[in-house]
Amino acid sequence: MLAAPAFAQNAPDAAAAEVSPHVFTANVTLASEYRYRGLMQTNRRPAIQGGFDYTHSSGFYLGNWNSSISWLGDSNPEVSAPIEIDLYGGFKNTVTLG
């Protein structure tokens, strides 16, 4: 039998923690195939996908999403574009009448 000391303490007060107006998130996906509107983008091969997002409490947001692709190089070997890069941003707010 093993024994070890145990310590207990109070959890920090959640209200005392200051909430930042900036939020950064990231995502990653390994997909068996990437299709866009029914069209193969990876020629029946797996795709690695991922992105980053930034949001501000004011409603401003900015992000990017990336995916490996192969259809450009498969159809024309002189063209090399192994990645799709999508950028987006905007401002989100609530409209009130009155």
N, C-alpha and C. Protein backbone atom coordinates (compact mmCIF):
# COMPACT_ATOMS: atom_id res chain seq x y z
N MET A 1 0.84 -1.15 0.00
CA MET A 1 0.00 0.00 0.00
C MET A 1 0.90 1.24 0.00
N LEU A 2 0.47 2.24 -0.79
CA LEU A 2 1.20 3.50 -0.87
C LEU A 2 0.42 4.58 -0.15
N ALA A 3 1.13 5.48 0.47
CA ALA A 3 0.49 6.60 1.15
C ALA A 3 1.20 7.88 0.74
N ALA A 4 0.44 8.93 0.61
CA ALA A 4 1.01 10.23 0.25
C ALA A 4 0.22 11.31 0.96
N PRO A 5 0.86 12.43 1.26
CA PRO A 5 0.12 13.51 1.92
C PRO A 5 -0.88 14.15 0.96
N ALA A 6 -1.96 14.64 1.50
CA ALA A 6 -2.98 15.32 0.71
C ALA A 6 -3.12 16.75 1.21
N PHE A 7 -3.32 17.67 0.29
CA PHE A 7 -3.48 19.08 0.64
C PHE A 7 -4.81 19.57 0.11
N ALA A 8 -5.44 20.43 0.85
CA ALA A 8 -6.70 21.02 0.41
C ALA A 8 -6.59 22.53 0.50
N GLN A 9 -7.20 23.18 -0.47
CA GLN A 9 -7.24 24.64 -0.43
C GLN A 9 -8.50 25.11 -1.10
N ASN A 10 -8.87 26.34 -0.82
CA ASN A 10 -10.06 26.92 -1.44
C ASN A 10 -9.77 27.29 -2.88
N ALA A 11 -10.75 27.09 -3.74
CA ALA A 11 -10.61 27.50 -5.14
C ALA A 11 -10.65 29.01 -5.22
N PRO A 12 -9.89 29.60 -6.16
CA PRO A 12 -9.94 31.06 -6.29
C PRO A 12 -11.33 31.53 -6.67
N ASP A 13 -11.69 32.70 -6.18
CA ASP A 13 -13.00 33.28 -6.45
C ASP A 13 -13.11 33.63 -7.93
N ALA A 14 -14.09 33.08 -8.63
CA ALA A 14 -14.26 33.32 -10.07
C ALA A 14 -14.57 34.78 -10.36
N ALA A 15 -15.28 35.45 -9.47
CA ALA A 15 -15.62 36.85 -9.68
C ALA A 15 -14.39 37.74 -9.56
N ALA A 16 -13.40 37.30 -8.81
CA ALA A 16 -12.20 38.10 -8.62
C ALA A 16 -11.31 38.09 -9.86
N ALA A 17 -11.42 37.06 -10.67
CA ALA A 17 -10.60 36.98 -11.88
C ALA A 17 -11.11 37.97 -12.92
N GLU A 18 -10.20 38.76 -13.46
CA GLU A 18 -10.57 39.75 -14.48
C GLU A 18 -10.71 39.05 -15.83
N VAL A 19 -11.80 39.34 -16.53
CA VAL A 19 -12.07 38.73 -17.83
C VAL A 19 -11.48 39.63 -18.91
N SER A 20 -10.67 39.04 -19.77
CA SER A 20 -10.04 39.80 -20.85
C SER A 20 -11.04 40.05 -21.98
N PRO A 21 -10.99 41.22 -22.63
CA PRO A 21 -11.87 41.47 -23.78
C PRO A 21 -11.38 40.75 -25.04
N HIS A 22 -10.19 40.17 -24.99
CA HIS A 22 -9.60 39.49 -26.13
C HIS A 22 -9.71 37.98 -25.96
N VAL A 23 -10.18 37.29 -27.01
CA VAL A 23 -10.27 35.84 -26.97
C VAL A 23 -9.60 35.28 -28.22
N PHE A 24 -8.64 34.39 -28.02
CA PHE A 24 -7.96 33.70 -29.11
C PHE A 24 -8.32 32.23 -29.04
N THR A 25 -8.69 31.64 -30.18
CA THR A 25 -8.97 30.21 -30.24
C THR A 25 -8.29 29.62 -31.47
N ALA A 26 -8.13 28.31 -31.45
CA ALA A 26 -7.53 27.59 -32.57
C ALA A 26 -8.28 26.28 -32.75
N ASN A 27 -8.22 25.74 -33.96
CA ASN A 27 -8.86 24.46 -34.23
C ASN A 27 -8.03 23.68 -35.23
N VAL A 28 -8.13 22.37 -35.17
CA VAL A 28 -7.43 21.50 -36.11
C VAL A 28 -8.31 20.28 -36.38
N THR A 29 -8.29 19.82 -37.63
CA THR A 29 -9.10 18.67 -38.05
C THR A 29 -8.28 17.79 -38.96
N LEU A 30 -8.41 16.50 -38.81
CA LEU A 30 -7.87 15.54 -39.77
C LEU A 30 -9.08 14.88 -40.41
N ALA A 31 -9.30 15.13 -41.70
CA ALA A 31 -10.48 14.63 -42.41
C ALA A 31 -10.07 13.54 -43.39
N SER A 32 -10.94 12.57 -43.60
CA SER A 32 -10.64 11.50 -44.55
C SER A 32 -10.63 12.00 -45.98
N GLU A 33 -11.34 13.09 -46.24
CA GLU A 33 -11.37 13.71 -47.57
C GLU A 33 -11.99 15.10 -47.42
N TYR A 34 -11.53 16.05 -48.22
CA TYR A 34 -12.09 17.40 -48.19
C TYR A 34 -12.88 17.61 -49.46
N ARG A 35 -14.17 17.92 -49.28
CA ARG A 35 -15.05 18.24 -50.41
C ARG A 35 -15.66 19.61 -50.16
N TYR A 36 -15.81 20.36 -51.25
CA TYR A 36 -16.46 21.66 -51.18
C TYR A 36 -17.59 21.65 -52.19
N ARG A 37 -18.81 21.78 -51.70
CA ARG A 37 -20.01 21.73 -52.54
C ARG A 37 -20.03 20.49 -53.42
N GLY A 38 -19.61 19.37 -52.85
CA GLY A 38 -19.64 18.10 -53.54
C GLY A 38 -18.44 17.82 -54.43
N LEU A 39 -17.55 18.77 -54.59
CA LEU A 39 -16.38 18.58 -55.44
C LEU A 39 -15.17 18.20 -54.58
N MET A 40 -14.46 17.15 -55.01
CA MET A 40 -13.28 16.70 -54.27
C MET A 40 -12.18 17.75 -54.33
N GLN A 41 -11.61 18.05 -53.20
CA GLN A 41 -10.50 18.99 -53.13
C GLN A 41 -9.17 18.30 -52.85
N THR A 42 -9.23 17.03 -52.42
CA THR A 42 -8.01 16.30 -52.07
C THR A 42 -7.86 15.00 -52.85
N ASN A 43 -8.63 14.83 -53.91
CA ASN A 43 -8.51 13.65 -54.78
C ASN A 43 -8.54 12.34 -53.99
N ARG A 44 -9.54 12.21 -53.14
CA ARG A 44 -9.78 11.01 -52.31
C ARG A 44 -8.65 10.74 -51.31
N ARG A 45 -7.94 11.77 -50.93
CA ARG A 45 -6.87 11.65 -49.93
C ARG A 45 -7.27 12.42 -48.68
N PRO A 46 -6.65 12.09 -47.55
CA PRO A 46 -6.95 12.83 -46.32
C PRO A 46 -6.52 14.29 -46.41
N ALA A 47 -7.12 15.11 -45.56
CA ALA A 47 -6.78 16.53 -45.49
C ALA A 47 -6.53 16.92 -44.05
N ILE A 48 -5.55 17.77 -43.85
CA ILE A 48 -5.34 18.38 -42.54
C ILE A 48 -5.86 19.81 -42.65
N GLN A 49 -6.65 20.21 -41.66
CA GLN A 49 -7.30 21.52 -41.70
C GLN A 49 -7.14 22.18 -40.34
N GLY A 50 -7.11 23.49 -40.34
CA GLY A 50 -7.00 24.19 -39.07
C GLY A 50 -7.11 25.69 -39.25
N GLY A 51 -7.27 26.36 -38.13
CA GLY A 51 -7.39 27.81 -38.21
C GLY A 51 -7.23 28.47 -36.86
N PHE A 52 -7.24 29.80 -36.92
CA PHE A 52 -7.12 30.63 -35.74
C PHE A 52 -8.20 31.70 -35.77
N ASP A 53 -8.72 32.05 -34.61
CA ASP A 53 -9.75 33.07 -34.51
C ASP A 53 -9.41 34.03 -33.38
N TYR A 54 -9.73 35.29 -33.60
CA TYR A 54 -9.59 36.33 -32.58
C TYR A 54 -10.93 37.05 -32.49
N THR A 55 -11.42 37.23 -31.28
CA THR A 55 -12.63 38.02 -31.07
C THR A 55 -12.37 39.04 -29.96
N HIS A 56 -13.05 40.15 -30.08
CA HIS A 56 -12.96 41.20 -29.07
C HIS A 56 -14.37 41.42 -28.52
N SER A 57 -14.45 41.82 -27.28
CA SER A 57 -15.76 42.01 -26.65
C SER A 57 -16.57 43.12 -27.33
N SER A 58 -15.94 43.97 -28.13
CA SER A 58 -16.66 45.03 -28.85
C SER A 58 -17.48 44.47 -30.01
N GLY A 59 -17.20 43.22 -30.42
CA GLY A 59 -17.89 42.61 -31.54
C GLY A 59 -16.99 42.37 -32.75
N PHE A 60 -15.79 42.92 -32.74
CA PHE A 60 -14.84 42.73 -33.83
C PHE A 60 -14.32 41.30 -33.81
N TYR A 61 -14.20 40.68 -34.99
CA TYR A 61 -13.61 39.35 -35.07
C TYR A 61 -12.77 39.23 -36.34
N LEU A 62 -11.78 38.34 -36.29
CA LEU A 62 -10.85 38.13 -37.39
C LEU A 62 -10.36 36.70 -37.30
N GLY A 63 -10.22 36.04 -38.43
CA GLY A 63 -9.75 34.66 -38.38
C GLY A 63 -9.26 34.15 -39.72
N ASN A 64 -8.71 32.96 -39.66
CA ASN A 64 -8.33 32.28 -40.89
C ASN A 64 -8.56 30.79 -40.74
N TRP A 65 -8.79 30.14 -41.89
CA TRP A 65 -9.00 28.70 -41.95
C TRP A 65 -8.16 28.18 -43.11
N ASN A 66 -7.50 27.05 -42.91
CA ASN A 66 -6.58 26.50 -43.90
C ASN A 66 -6.88 25.02 -44.10
N SER A 67 -6.64 24.52 -45.31
CA SER A 67 -6.80 23.10 -45.60
C SER A 67 -5.80 22.68 -46.65
N SER A 68 -5.30 21.47 -46.50
CA SER A 68 -4.47 20.91 -47.57
C SER A 68 -5.39 20.59 -48.74
N ILE A 69 -4.91 20.80 -49.95
CA ILE A 69 -5.65 20.48 -51.17
C ILE A 69 -4.69 19.83 -52.15
N SER A 70 -5.23 19.16 -53.18
CA SER A 70 -4.35 18.56 -54.17
C SER A 70 -4.87 18.70 -55.59
N TRP A 71 -6.08 19.20 -55.79
CA TRP A 71 -6.65 19.19 -57.13
C TRP A 71 -5.93 20.10 -58.11
N LEU A 72 -5.35 21.22 -57.66
CA LEU A 72 -4.62 22.09 -58.58
C LEU A 72 -3.38 21.39 -59.13
N GLY A 73 -2.60 20.77 -58.27
CA GLY A 73 -1.40 20.07 -58.71
C GLY A 73 -1.71 18.80 -59.48
N ASP A 74 -2.84 18.14 -59.18
CA ASP A 74 -3.21 16.92 -59.90
C ASP A 74 -3.60 17.23 -61.33
N SER A 75 -4.31 18.33 -61.55
CA SER A 75 -4.78 18.64 -62.90
C SER A 75 -3.73 19.38 -63.73
N ASN A 76 -2.82 20.09 -63.07
CA ASN A 76 -1.78 20.84 -63.78
C ASN A 76 -0.51 20.82 -62.93
N PRO A 77 0.42 19.90 -63.21
CA PRO A 77 1.62 19.77 -62.37
C PRO A 77 2.47 21.03 -62.28
N GLU A 78 2.34 21.96 -63.23
CA GLU A 78 3.12 23.19 -63.19
C GLU A 78 2.60 24.16 -62.13
N VAL A 79 1.36 23.96 -61.71
CA VAL A 79 0.75 24.82 -60.69
C VAL A 79 0.94 24.14 -59.34
N SER A 80 1.52 24.84 -58.40
CA SER A 80 1.74 24.28 -57.08
C SER A 80 1.00 25.11 -56.05
N ALA A 81 -0.09 24.58 -55.54
CA ALA A 81 -0.87 25.25 -54.49
C ALA A 81 -1.39 24.17 -53.56
N PRO A 82 -0.56 23.69 -52.62
CA PRO A 82 -0.98 22.58 -51.77
C PRO A 82 -1.87 22.99 -50.60
N ILE A 83 -2.21 24.27 -50.50
CA ILE A 83 -3.01 24.71 -49.35
C ILE A 83 -4.03 25.76 -49.77
N GLU A 84 -5.21 25.66 -49.18
CA GLU A 84 -6.25 26.68 -49.33
C GLU A 84 -6.20 27.54 -48.08
N ILE A 85 -6.19 28.85 -48.27
CA ILE A 85 -6.16 29.79 -47.15
C ILE A 85 -7.36 30.71 -47.26
N ASP A 86 -8.22 30.70 -46.25
CA ASP A 86 -9.40 31.56 -46.21
C ASP A 86 -9.25 32.54 -45.05
N LEU A 87 -9.42 33.82 -45.35
CA LEU A 87 -9.37 34.86 -44.33
C LEU A 87 -10.75 35.49 -44.19
N TYR A 88 -11.13 35.83 -42.97
CA TYR A 88 -12.43 36.45 -42.75
C TYR A 88 -12.37 37.38 -41.56
N GLY A 89 -13.29 38.29 -41.52
CA GLY A 89 -13.36 39.22 -40.40
C GLY A 89 -14.66 39.99 -40.46
N GLY A 90 -14.96 40.69 -39.41
CA GLY A 90 -16.19 41.47 -39.39
C GLY A 90 -16.46 42.08 -38.04
N PHE A 91 -17.67 42.56 -37.93
CA PHE A 91 -18.13 43.17 -36.69
C PHE A 91 -19.52 42.65 -36.41
N LYS A 92 -19.71 42.12 -35.22
CA LYS A 92 -21.00 41.55 -34.82
C LYS A 92 -21.59 42.42 -33.73
N ASN A 93 -22.87 42.78 -33.91
CA ASN A 93 -23.53 43.61 -32.92
C ASN A 93 -25.03 43.36 -32.98
N THR A 94 -25.75 43.81 -31.99
CA THR A 94 -27.20 43.67 -31.94
C THR A 94 -27.84 44.98 -32.35
N VAL A 95 -28.82 44.90 -33.24
CA VAL A 95 -29.55 46.09 -33.67
C VAL A 95 -30.84 46.16 -32.87
N THR A 96 -31.08 47.30 -32.26
CA THR A 96 -32.32 47.49 -31.50
C THR A 96 -33.12 48.62 -32.13
N LEU A 97 -34.41 48.46 -32.12
CA LEU A 97 -35.31 49.48 -32.66
C LEU A 97 -35.84 50.33 -31.52
N GLY A 98 -35.91 51.64 -31.75
CA GLY A 98 -36.51 52.49 -30.75
C GLY A 98 -35.67 53.53 -30.23
